C-alpha atoms as a PDB file:
ATOM      1  CA  UNK A   1       5.432 -16.357   6.787  1.00  0.00           C
ATOM      2  CA  UNK A   2       4.290 -12.785   5.904  1.00  0.00           C
ATOM      3  CA  UNK A   3       6.175 -10.783   3.319  1.00  0.00           C
ATOM      4  CA  UNK A   4       5.960  -7.033   3.316  1.00  0.00           C
ATOM      5  CA  UNK A   5       6.662  -5.311   0.055  1.00  0.00           C
ATOM      6  CA  UNK A   6       7.599  -1.631   0.118  1.00  0.00           C
ATOM      7  CA  UNK A   7       8.160   0.412  -2.996  1.00  0.00           C
ATOM      8  CA  UNK A   8      10.531   3.318  -2.598  1.00  0.00           C
ATOM      9  CA  UNK A   9      12.033   6.192  -4.482  1.00  0.00           C
ATOM     10  CA  UNK A  10      14.072   9.028  -2.949  1.00  0.00           C
ATOM     11  CA  UNK A  11      12.656   8.412   0.527  1.00  0.00           C
ATOM     12  CA  UNK A  12      15.786   8.812   2.695  1.00  0.00           C
ATOM     13  CA  UNK A  13      13.927  11.267   5.031  1.00  0.00           C
ATOM     14  CA  UNK A  14      11.051   8.909   5.803  1.00  0.00           C
ATOM     15  CA  UNK A  15      11.820   5.225   5.055  1.00  0.00           C
ATOM     16  CA  UNK A  16      13.720   4.616   8.274  1.00  0.00           C
ATOM     17  CA  UNK A  17      10.656   5.472  10.553  1.00  0.00           C
ATOM     18  CA  UNK A  18       8.571   2.964   8.331  1.00  0.00           C
ATOM     19  CA  UNK A  19      11.168   0.155   8.649  1.00  0.00           C
ATOM     20  CA  UNK A  20      11.685   0.901  12.389  1.00  0.00           C
ATOM     21  CA  UNK A  21       7.904   0.405  12.893  1.00  0.00           C
ATOM     22  CA  UNK A  22       8.105  -2.794  11.124  1.00  0.00           C
ATOM     23  CA  UNK A  23      11.050  -4.269  13.079  1.00  0.00           C
ATOM     24  CA  UNK A  24       9.196  -3.297  16.233  1.00  0.00           C
ATOM     25  CA  UNK A  25       6.048  -5.394  15.597  1.00  0.00           C
ATOM     26  CA  UNK A  26       4.624  -7.563  18.451  1.00  0.00           C
ATOM     27  CA  UNK A  27       5.171 -10.487  16.119  1.00  0.00           C
ATOM     28  CA  UNK A  28       8.007 -12.989  15.776  1.00  0.00           C
ATOM     29  CA  UNK A  29      10.713 -11.524  13.552  1.00  0.00           C
ATOM     30  CA  UNK A  30      11.496 -14.753  12.042  1.00  0.00           C
ATOM     31  CA  UNK A  31       7.951 -15.177  10.821  1.00  0.00           C
ATOM     32  CA  UNK A  32       7.957 -12.124   8.455  1.00  0.00           C
ATOM     33  CA  UNK A  33      10.278 -10.577   5.806  1.00  0.00           C
ATOM     34  CA  UNK A  34      10.770  -7.009   4.643  1.00  0.00           C
ATOM     35  CA  UNK A  35      11.317  -6.324   0.978  1.00  0.00           C
ATOM     36  CA  UNK A  36      12.115  -2.894  -0.343  1.00  0.00           C
ATOM     37  CA  UNK A  37      11.840  -2.501  -4.059  1.00  0.00           C
ATOM     38  CA  UNK A  38      13.523   0.774  -5.102  1.00  0.00           C
ATOM     39  CA  UNK A  39      12.871   2.827  -8.197  1.00  0.00           C
ATOM     40  CA  UNK A  40      16.376   3.944  -8.716  1.00  0.00           C
ATOM     41  CA  UNK A  41      16.722   6.374  -5.878  1.00  0.00           C
ATOM     42  CA  UNK A  42      19.513   9.151  -6.143  1.00  0.00           C
ATOM     43  CA  UNK A  43      19.660   9.477  -2.270  1.00  0.00           C
ATOM     44  CA  UNK A  44      20.510   7.143   0.492  1.00  0.00           C
ATOM     45  CA  UNK A  45      17.210   5.290   0.432  1.00  0.00           C
ATOM     46  CA  UNK A  46      18.647   1.886  -0.370  1.00  0.00           C
ATOM     47  CA  UNK A  47      21.544   2.263   2.069  1.00  0.00           C
ATOM     48  CA  UNK A  48      19.149   2.945   4.943  1.00  0.00           C
ATOM     49  CA  UNK A  49      16.791   0.195   3.859  1.00  0.00           C
ATOM     50  CA  UNK A  50      19.579  -2.364   3.861  1.00  0.00           C
ATOM     51  CA  UNK A  51      20.008  -1.815   7.607  1.00  0.00           C
ATOM     52  CA  UNK A  52      16.499  -3.155   8.280  1.00  0.00           C
ATOM     53  CA  UNK A  53      15.126  -5.010   5.318  1.00  0.00           C
ATOM     54  CA  UNK A  54      15.794  -8.601   4.388  1.00  0.00           C
ATOM     55  CA  UNK A  55      15.846  -7.822   0.650  1.00  0.00           C
ATOM     56  CA  UNK A  56      16.514  -4.630  -1.214  1.00  0.00           C
ATOM     57  CA  UNK A  57      16.690  -4.384  -4.922  1.00  0.00           C
ATOM     58  CA  UNK A  58      15.946  -2.057  -7.914  1.00  0.00           C
ATOM     59  CA  UNK A  59      12.692  -2.642  -9.711  1.00  0.00           C
ATOM     60  CA  UNK A  60      12.479  -3.823 -13.227  1.00  0.00           C
ATOM     61  CA  UNK A  61       8.767  -3.229 -13.930  1.00  0.00           C
ATOM     62  CA  UNK A  62       7.374   0.378 -14.388  1.00  0.00           C
ATOM     63  CA  UNK A  63       5.426   2.472 -11.827  1.00  0.00           C
ATOM     64  CA  UNK A  64       4.400   1.682  -8.174  1.00  0.00           C
ATOM     65  CA  UNK A  65       2.309  -1.300  -9.188  1.00  0.00           C
ATOM     66  CA  UNK A  66       5.204  -2.838 -11.040  1.00  0.00           C
ATOM     67  CA  UNK A  67       7.402  -2.354  -8.136  1.00  0.00           C
ATOM     68  CA  UNK A  68       4.865  -4.135  -5.873  1.00  0.00           C
ATOM     69  CA  UNK A  69       4.649  -6.982  -8.351  1.00  0.00           C
ATOM     70  CA  UNK A  70       8.492  -7.284  -8.500  1.00  0.00           C
ATOM     71  CA  UNK A  71       8.542  -7.720  -4.790  1.00  0.00           C
ATOM     72  CA  UNK A  72       5.670 -10.230  -4.738  1.00  0.00           C
ATOM     73  CA  UNK A  73       7.509 -12.373  -7.246  1.00  0.00           C
ATOM     74  CA  UNK A  74      10.552 -12.601  -4.898  1.00  0.00           C
ATOM     75  CA  UNK A  75       8.531 -12.970  -1.689  1.00  0.00           C
ATOM     76  CA  UNK A  76       8.702 -16.222   0.277  1.00  0.00           C
ATOM     77  CA  UNK A  77       5.480 -15.557   2.326  1.00  0.00           C
ATOM     78  CA  UNK A  78       2.124 -17.202   2.005  1.00  0.00           C
ATOM     79  CA  UNK A  79       0.785 -13.828   2.757  1.00  0.00           C
ATOM     80  CA  UNK A  80       1.891 -10.631   0.919  1.00  0.00           C
ATOM     81  CA  UNK A  81       1.243  -7.199   2.529  1.00  0.00           C
ATOM     82  CA  UNK A  82       2.013  -3.982   0.726  1.00  0.00           C
ATOM     83  CA  UNK A  83       2.686  -0.602   2.278  1.00  0.00           C
ATOM     84  CA  UNK A  84       4.564   2.522   1.323  1.00  0.00           C
ATOM     85  CA  UNK A  85       7.927   3.942   2.342  1.00  0.00           C
ATOM     86  CA  UNK A  86       6.414   6.988   4.079  1.00  0.00           C
ATOM     87  CA  UNK A  87       3.890   5.047   6.034  1.00  0.00           C
ATOM     88  CA  UNK A  88       4.121   4.100   9.670  1.00  0.00           C
ATOM     89  CA  UNK A  89       2.733   0.748  10.874  1.00  0.00           C
ATOM     90  CA  UNK A  90       1.256   0.207  14.400  1.00  0.00           C
ATOM     91  CA  UNK A  91       2.920  -2.545  16.551  1.00  0.00           C
ATOM     92  CA  UNK A  92      -0.001  -4.927  16.122  1.00  0.00           C
ATOM     93  CA  UNK A  93      -0.324  -4.591  12.310  1.00  0.00           C
ATOM     94  CA  UNK A  94       1.093  -7.975  11.526  1.00  0.00           C
ATOM     95  CA  UNK A  95      -0.693  -9.640  14.432  1.00  0.00           C
ATOM     96  CA  UNK A  96      -4.135  -8.333  13.174  1.00  0.00           C
ATOM     97  CA  UNK A  97      -3.101  -9.532   9.622  1.00  0.00           C
ATOM     98  CA  UNK A  98      -2.401 -13.011  10.946  1.00  0.00           C
ATOM     99  CA  UNK A  99      -5.653 -13.163  12.809  1.00  0.00           C
ATOM    100  CA  UNK A 100      -7.789 -11.995   9.944  1.00  0.00           C
ATOM    101  CA  UNK A 101      -6.173 -14.602   7.606  1.00  0.00           C
ATOM    102  CA  UNK A 102      -7.212 -17.453   9.972  1.00  0.00           C
ATOM    103  CA  UNK A 103     -10.387 -17.374   7.895  1.00  0.00           C
ATOM    104  CA  UNK A 104      -9.353 -19.671   4.859  1.00  0.00           C
ATOM    105  CA  UNK A 105     -11.927 -17.764   2.656  1.00  0.00           C
ATOM    106  CA  UNK A 106     -10.173 -14.502   2.892  1.00  0.00           C
ATOM    107  CA  UNK A 107      -7.932 -13.742  -0.093  1.00  0.00           C
ATOM    108  CA  UNK A 108      -7.459  -9.968   0.474  1.00  0.00           C
ATOM    109  CA  UNK A 109      -7.591  -7.755   3.403  1.00  0.00           C
ATOM    110  CA  UNK A 110      -7.458  -4.000   3.765  1.00  0.00           C
ATOM    111  CA  UNK A 111      -8.051  -1.391   6.380  1.00  0.00           C
ATOM    112  CA  UNK A 112      -8.441   2.426   7.053  1.00  0.00           C
ATOM    113  CA  UNK A 113      -5.719   5.174   7.325  1.00  0.00           C
ATOM    114  CA  UNK A 114      -5.068   8.057   9.533  1.00  0.00           C
ATOM    115  CA  UNK A 115      -2.854  11.063   8.633  1.00  0.00           C
ATOM    116  CA  UNK A 116       0.712  11.488   9.859  1.00  0.00           C
ATOM    117  CA  UNK A 117       0.458  15.196   9.311  1.00  0.00           C
ATOM    118  CA  UNK A 118      -2.540  15.433  11.669  1.00  0.00           C
ATOM    119  CA  UNK A 119      -4.002  18.819  10.740  1.00  0.00           C
ATOM    120  CA  UNK A 120      -7.666  19.329  10.999  1.00  0.00           C
ATOM    121  CA  UNK A 121      -7.999  19.366   7.249  1.00  0.00           C
ATOM    122  CA  UNK A 122      -6.154  16.102   6.838  1.00  0.00           C
ATOM    123  CA  UNK A 123      -8.017  14.379   9.627  1.00  0.00           C
ATOM    124  CA  UNK A 124     -11.317  15.448   7.973  1.00  0.00           C
ATOM    125  CA  UNK A 125     -10.302  14.314   4.520  1.00  0.00           C
ATOM    126  CA  UNK A 126      -9.222  10.864   5.815  1.00  0.00           C
ATOM    127  CA  UNK A 127     -12.367  10.651   7.974  1.00  0.00           C
ATOM    128  CA  UNK A 128     -14.406  11.047   4.703  1.00  0.00           C
ATOM    129  CA  UNK A 129     -12.098   8.531   2.927  1.00  0.00           C
ATOM    130  CA  UNK A 130     -12.456   5.984   5.699  1.00  0.00           C
ATOM    131  CA  UNK A 131     -16.172   6.371   5.915  1.00  0.00           C
ATOM    132  CA  UNK A 132     -16.502   6.038   2.042  1.00  0.00           C
ATOM    133  CA  UNK A 133     -14.424   2.828   2.312  1.00  0.00           C
ATOM    134  CA  UNK A 134     -16.500   1.390   5.109  1.00  0.00           C
ATOM    135  CA  UNK A 135     -19.776   2.153   3.386  1.00  0.00           C
ATOM    136  CA  UNK A 136     -18.495   0.844   0.081  1.00  0.00           C
ATOM    137  CA  UNK A 137     -17.506  -2.361   1.712  1.00  0.00           C
ATOM    138  CA  UNK A 138     -20.740  -2.916   3.659  1.00  0.00           C
ATOM    139  CA  UNK A 139     -22.815  -2.256   0.484  1.00  0.00           C
ATOM    140  CA  UNK A 140     -20.631  -4.225  -1.736  1.00  0.00           C
ATOM    141  CA  UNK A 141     -20.464  -1.325  -4.316  1.00  0.00           C
ATOM    142  CA  UNK A 142     -16.842  -0.363  -4.150  1.00  0.00           C
ATOM    143  CA  UNK A 143     -13.781  -1.688  -2.451  1.00  0.00           C
ATOM    144  CA  UNK A 144     -11.774   1.488  -1.663  1.00  0.00           C
ATOM    145  CA  UNK A 145      -8.405  -0.049  -1.165  1.00  0.00           C
ATOM    146  CA  UNK A 146      -4.998   1.635  -0.756  1.00  0.00           C
ATOM    147  CA  UNK A 147      -1.585   0.158  -1.517  1.00  0.00           C
ATOM    148  CA  UNK A 148      -0.229   1.357   1.725  1.00  0.00           C
ATOM    149  CA  UNK A 149      -2.505  -1.048   3.671  1.00  0.00           C
ATOM    150  CA  UNK A 150      -3.501  -4.080   1.540  1.00  0.00           C
ATOM    151  CA  UNK A 151      -2.709  -7.643   2.148  1.00  0.00           C
ATOM    152  CA  UNK A 152      -3.137 -10.778  -0.074  1.00  0.00           C
ATOM    153  CA  UNK A 153      -2.985 -14.474   0.137  1.00  0.00           C
ATOM    154  CA  UNK A 154       0.049 -15.057  -2.179  1.00  0.00           C
ATOM    155  CA  UNK A 155      -1.308 -17.671  -4.632  1.00  0.00           C
ATOM    156  CA  UNK A 156      -4.748 -16.090  -5.357  1.00  0.00           C
ATOM    157  CA  UNK A 157      -2.969 -12.774  -5.761  1.00  0.00           C
ATOM    158  CA  UNK A 158      -0.637 -14.209  -8.392  1.00  0.00           C
ATOM    159  CA  UNK A 159      -3.608 -16.155  -9.994  1.00  0.00           C
ATOM    160  CA  UNK A 160      -5.529 -12.748 -10.323  1.00  0.00           C
ATOM    161  CA  UNK A 161      -2.592 -11.283 -12.216  1.00  0.00           C
ATOM    162  CA  UNK A 162      -1.259  -9.080  -9.380  1.00  0.00           C
ATOM    163  CA  UNK A 163      -1.333  -5.264  -9.735  1.00  0.00           C
ATOM    164  CA  UNK A 164      -2.160  -3.802 -13.039  1.00  0.00           C
ATOM    165  CA  UNK A 165       0.450  -1.184 -14.026  1.00  0.00           C
ATOM    166  CA  UNK A 166      -1.290   2.208 -14.303  1.00  0.00           C
ATOM    167  CA  UNK A 167      -0.925   5.860 -13.463  1.00  0.00           C
ATOM    168  CA  UNK A 168      -3.586   5.670 -10.706  1.00  0.00           C
ATOM    169  CA  UNK A 169      -6.128   3.321  -9.196  1.00  0.00           C
ATOM    170  CA  UNK A 170      -4.104   0.133  -9.455  1.00  0.00           C
ATOM    171  CA  UNK A 171      -4.577  -0.545  -5.794  1.00  0.00           C
ATOM    172  CA  UNK A 172      -8.405  -0.066  -6.217  1.00  0.00           C
ATOM    173  CA  UNK A 173      -8.682  -2.182  -9.279  1.00  0.00           C
ATOM    174  CA  UNK A 174      -6.905  -5.298  -7.931  1.00  0.00           C
ATOM    175  CA  UNK A 175      -9.438  -5.569  -5.061  1.00  0.00           C
ATOM    176  CA  UNK A 176     -12.271  -6.089  -7.691  1.00  0.00           C
ATOM    177  CA  UNK A 177     -10.398  -8.856  -9.322  1.00  0.00           C
ATOM    178  CA  UNK A 178      -9.718 -10.522  -6.048  1.00  0.00           C
ATOM    179  CA  UNK A 179     -13.298 -10.674  -4.946  1.00  0.00           C
ATOM    180  CA  UNK A 180     -14.002 -12.880  -8.024  1.00  0.00           C
ATOM    181  CA  UNK A 181     -11.622 -15.401  -6.421  1.00  0.00           C
ATOM    182  CA  UNK A 182     -12.564 -15.244  -2.762  1.00  0.00           C
ATOM    183  CA  UNK A 183     -13.409 -13.133   0.243  1.00  0.00           C
ATOM    184  CA  UNK A 184     -12.142  -9.537   0.416  1.00  0.00           C
ATOM    185  CA  UNK A 185     -12.237  -8.353   4.017  1.00  0.00           C
ATOM    186  CA  UNK A 186     -12.232  -4.775   5.422  1.00  0.00           C
ATOM    187  CA  UNK A 187     -10.944  -4.732   8.967  1.00  0.00           C
ATOM    188  CA  UNK A 188     -11.790  -1.278  10.344  1.00  0.00           C
ATOM    189  CA  UNK A 189      -9.216  -1.651  13.091  1.00  0.00           C
ATOM    190  CA  UNK A 190      -6.346  -2.361  10.812  1.00  0.00           C
ATOM    191  CA  UNK A 191      -5.067   1.254  10.809  1.00  0.00           C
ATOM    192  CA  UNK A 192      -1.925   2.555   9.293  1.00  0.00           C
ATOM    193  CA  UNK A 193      -0.528   6.121   9.471  1.00  0.00           C
ATOM    194  CA  UNK A 194      -0.528   7.681   6.010  1.00  0.00           C
ATOM    195  CA  UNK A 195       1.549  10.600   4.801  1.00  0.00           C
ATOM    196  CA  UNK A 196      -0.485  13.348   3.341  1.00  0.00           C
ATOM    197  CA  UNK A 197       2.546  15.327   2.176  1.00  0.00           C
ATOM    198  CA  UNK A 198       1.865  14.952  -1.610  1.00  0.00           C
ATOM    199  CA  UNK A 199      -1.680  15.948  -1.173  1.00  0.00           C
ATOM    200  CA  UNK A 200      -0.547  19.018   0.903  1.00  0.00           C
ATOM    201  CA  UNK A 201       1.950  19.815  -1.802  1.00  0.00           C
ATOM    202  CA  UNK A 202      -0.362  19.619  -4.786  1.00  0.00           C
ATOM    203  CA  UNK A 203      -3.731  20.324  -3.140  1.00  0.00           C
ATOM    204  CA  UNK A 204      -5.881  17.609  -1.759  1.00  0.00           C
ATOM    205  CA  UNK A 205      -9.073  18.405  -3.673  1.00  0.00           C
ATOM    206  CA  UNK A 206      -7.250  18.739  -6.994  1.00  0.00           C
ATOM    207  CA  UNK A 207      -5.319  15.418  -6.340  1.00  0.00           C
ATOM    208  CA  UNK A 208      -8.617  13.663  -5.576  1.00  0.00           C
ATOM    209  CA  UNK A 209     -10.223  15.137  -8.662  1.00  0.00           C
ATOM    210  CA  UNK A 210      -7.301  14.116 -10.927  1.00  0.00           C
ATOM    211  CA  UNK A 211      -7.234  10.626  -9.321  1.00  0.00           C
ATOM    212  CA  UNK A 212     -11.029  10.055 -10.086  1.00  0.00           C
ATOM    213  CA  UNK A 213     -10.562  11.321 -13.675  1.00  0.00           C
ATOM    214  CA  UNK A 214      -7.626   9.043 -14.364  1.00  0.00           C
ATOM    215  CA  UNK A 215      -9.156   6.086 -12.809  1.00  0.00           C
ATOM    216  CA  UNK A 216     -12.684   6.387 -14.425  1.00  0.00           C
ATOM    217  CA  UNK A 217     -11.821   8.219 -17.697  1.00  0.00           C
ATOM    218  CA  UNK A 218      -8.354   7.340 -18.500  1.00  0.00           C
ATOM    219  CA  UNK A 219      -6.742   9.704 -21.112  1.00  0.00           C
ATOM    220  CA  UNK A 220      -3.481  11.472 -21.096  1.00  0.00           C
ATOM    221  CA  UNK A 221      -2.562  10.925 -17.334  1.00  0.00           C
ATOM    222  CA  UNK A 222       0.765  12.601 -17.828  1.00  0.00           C
ATOM    223  CA  UNK A 223      -0.593  16.039 -17.975  1.00  0.00           C
ATOM    224  CA  UNK A 224      -1.952  15.727 -14.355  1.00  0.00           C
ATOM    225  CA  UNK A 225       0.094  16.649 -11.247  1.00  0.00           C
ATOM    226  CA  UNK A 226      -1.173  13.436  -9.539  1.00  0.00           C
ATOM    227  CA  UNK A 227       1.085  11.323 -11.591  1.00  0.00           C
ATOM    228  CA  UNK A 228       4.121  13.560 -10.824  1.00  0.00           C
ATOM    229  CA  UNK A 229       4.388  12.844  -7.153  1.00  0.00           C
ATOM    230  CA  UNK A 230       8.092  11.836  -7.222  1.00  0.00           C
ATOM    231  CA  UNK A 231       7.749   8.041  -7.840  1.00  0.00           C
ATOM    232  CA  UNK A 232       9.187   6.261 -10.765  1.00  0.00           C
END
């Protein structure tokens, strides 16, 4: 079984399209479960999620990484996939995941992203991000993973300590711990559609700069807009 863990917070406008894309997979429905871990939404997020998900509950651990960990601890699957409430998954997403995990050495899988808000600027930024991810993977220098499109073999993931709760970069940091345990694979055809709305709101270049500063320098992350993108 594959367990899909989705953190959410005030996503009533977007979570339904995410969940619809998951129930419309070309994959047997009885072979995967959908888990929505909510950060205490004040809107109808949980009510909408309950129409599609197998399990919906309020998180007890802080931040997005903590929500993903809460979901992983209640997951029944041997494979745990993480995505976001404003992401749209292609119909073959789970099939590709299953195929990639036929290799018993693979403990983590990730793939590229494309923008839902497909402006020229957003397509350009994500082209650069995907190229950076592919080059980093091929050279073994950096595993540029995103929580909206990451998949783990459950036992190695828990053995590694799961996500480290932080203001930014928790989805990148876990990949470097996972590769100490086994093979981390980049599947360049494992695309998901990623929302750029927060980058459009706060400014893509500023958000990228703040993300890199928080990840590599630490410090007072609370002063940055990147950490205030409506998730708790």
